[in-house]
Structures are given as C-alpha cells and as structure tokens.
Amino acid sequence: MPFSCFCSFHKDLTKRWVCVNILGYGETAGYIKLIINEHNNQLLGASLVGPEVSELLPELTLAQANGLTVEAIAQNIHAHPTLSEVLMEAAEAAEGHAVHL
C-alpha cells in the first residue's frame, strides 16, 4: 500500500502547523495537518482528510491529551507499510527532518 507525501508549513508567534498530503489506497487526495505549540512543540490539534484516517485518531488524541511533543510522536514505532507512517512523516517534517518528503 504505497503512500506519497508532500509537505507545507505555516508559522506564527504562538503556533505552527505542518500539512502532509497523503495519497494512498488508490485515492488522489488526502492530508494530515498537525498544529503545534511554537514554544514547546506540543501537539495542539490535528486535521485529517482521506481514506481510513480515522484509524490515526487514537494516537493523536492520546498525544494531545497528554501534552506530548511532535518529537515523541516521531519517535513512536510506526509499522511499515501502514497508514500510521504518515503521522511519523508529519511529525518528522514538523521537526525539520522528514526522510520521505
């Protein structure tokens, strides 16, 4: 199940976001947007659009509820090849060191 990822960034004084476009499951559109606290890198929220993205909500809600950073999300184990890898890619992109973008 191949996925393609593309990334864009936004930054202001209090938060930044990274948006990773995902293409998989034969679909031509989809994305994951992580909203991050600019001061401590904690996950503030996320927006997900695409097939099967509801499978990614538990990791993101757990991270947000417990004040985890995007670095912690990136360091979590994400099986390959799975949709959950796009969370790792988005978190790594937010940290400036995504491998597959």
Protein backbone atom coordinates (compact mmCIF):
# COMPACT_ATOMS: atom_id res chain seq x y z
CA MET A 1 0.00 0.00 0.00
CA PRO A 2 2.20 2.86 -1.25
CA PHE A 3 1.73 6.38 0.03
CA SER A 4 3.08 9.62 -1.39
CA CYS A 5 3.67 12.56 0.93
CA PHE A 6 4.11 16.28 0.24
CA CYS A 7 4.55 18.95 2.87
CA SER A 8 3.79 22.64 3.52
CA PHE A 9 4.47 24.79 6.60
CA HIS A 10 2.93 27.78 8.38
CA LYS A 11 4.27 29.61 11.41
CA ASP A 12 3.07 32.49 13.60
CA LEU A 13 4.04 33.72 17.06
CA THR A 14 2.22 31.07 19.08
CA LYS A 15 1.77 28.02 16.88
CA ARG A 16 2.90 26.43 13.67
CA TRP A 17 1.42 23.76 11.51
CA VAL A 18 2.69 21.21 9.08
CA CYS A 19 0.44 19.78 6.42
CA VAL A 20 1.40 16.49 4.79
CA ASN A 21 -0.59 15.49 1.72
CA ILE A 22 -1.10 11.74 1.54
CA LEU A 23 -2.00 9.68 -1.46
CA GLY A 24 -2.79 6.04 -0.92
CA TYR A 25 -5.45 3.37 -1.14
CA GLY A 26 -5.86 4.38 -4.78
CA GLU A 27 -7.06 7.86 -3.76
CA THR A 28 -5.83 11.07 -5.34
CA ALA A 29 -6.26 13.43 -2.38
CA GLY A 30 -5.86 13.48 1.38
CA TYR A 31 -3.85 15.23 4.05
CA ILE A 32 -2.82 15.34 7.68
CA LYS A 33 -2.30 18.73 9.33
CA LEU A 34 -0.61 18.90 12.73
CA ILE A 35 -1.00 22.10 14.78
CA ILE A 36 1.93 22.55 17.12
CA ASN A 37 2.70 24.91 20.03
CA GLU A 38 5.59 27.07 18.80
CA HIS A 39 7.13 27.37 22.27
CA ASN A 40 7.25 23.76 23.48
CA ASN A 41 6.45 21.64 20.37
CA GLN A 42 3.39 20.05 21.98
CA LEU A 43 0.62 18.87 19.72
CA LEU A 44 -2.33 21.28 19.94
CA GLY A 45 -4.58 19.60 17.39
CA ALA A 46 -4.82 17.96 14.01
CA SER A 47 -6.93 17.80 10.90
CA LEU A 48 -7.14 14.62 8.84
CA VAL A 49 -8.80 14.03 5.47
CA GLY A 50 -8.59 10.84 3.46
CA PRO A 51 -9.44 7.16 3.41
CA GLU A 52 -9.08 5.31 6.70
CA VAL A 53 -7.66 8.34 8.55
CA SER A 54 -9.99 7.67 11.48
CA GLU A 55 -7.54 4.86 12.31
CA LEU A 56 -4.98 7.56 13.18
CA LEU A 57 -7.12 9.40 15.74
CA PRO A 58 -6.20 7.33 18.84
CA GLU A 59 -2.51 8.17 18.59
CA LEU A 60 -3.20 11.86 18.03
CA THR A 61 -5.82 12.21 20.79
CA LEU A 62 -3.55 10.40 23.26
CA ALA A 63 -0.64 12.67 22.30
CA GLN A 64 -2.73 15.84 22.60
CA ALA A 65 -4.37 14.85 25.88
CA ASN A 66 -1.01 14.06 27.47
CA GLY A 67 0.91 17.05 26.16
CA LEU A 68 3.28 15.02 24.00
CA THR A 69 5.60 16.76 21.58
CA VAL A 70 5.85 16.11 17.86
CA GLU A 71 9.27 14.63 18.59
CA ALA A 72 7.61 12.00 20.81
CA ILE A 73 5.17 11.19 18.01
CA ALA A 74 8.03 10.86 15.52
CA GLN A 75 9.94 8.55 17.87
CA ASN A 76 6.95 6.26 18.40
CA ILE A 77 7.11 2.99 16.47
CA HIS A 78 5.02 3.08 13.28
CA ALA A 79 4.76 -0.21 11.39
CA HIS A 80 5.81 -0.32 7.74
CA PRO A 81 3.98 -0.27 5.38
CA THR A 82 0.95 1.21 7.10
CA LEU A 83 -1.08 4.39 7.07
CA SER A 84 0.26 5.28 10.53
CA GLU A 85 3.61 6.07 8.93
CA VAL A 86 2.17 9.36 7.68
CA LEU A 87 1.92 10.52 11.31
CA MET A 88 5.60 9.80 11.73
CA GLU A 89 6.37 11.66 8.49
CA ALA A 90 4.27 14.67 9.52
CA ALA A 91 5.89 14.81 12.97
CA GLU A 92 9.36 14.48 11.44
CA ALA A 93 8.52 17.19 8.90
CA ALA A 94 7.47 19.47 11.76
CA GLU A 95 10.87 18.87 13.33
CA GLY A 96 12.61 19.54 10.02
CA HIS A 97 13.96 16.07 9.35
CA ALA A 98 11.41 14.04 7.39
CA VAL A 99 13.01 11.23 5.41
CA HIS A 100 10.39 10.59 2.73
CA LEU A 101 9.21 14.10 1.81
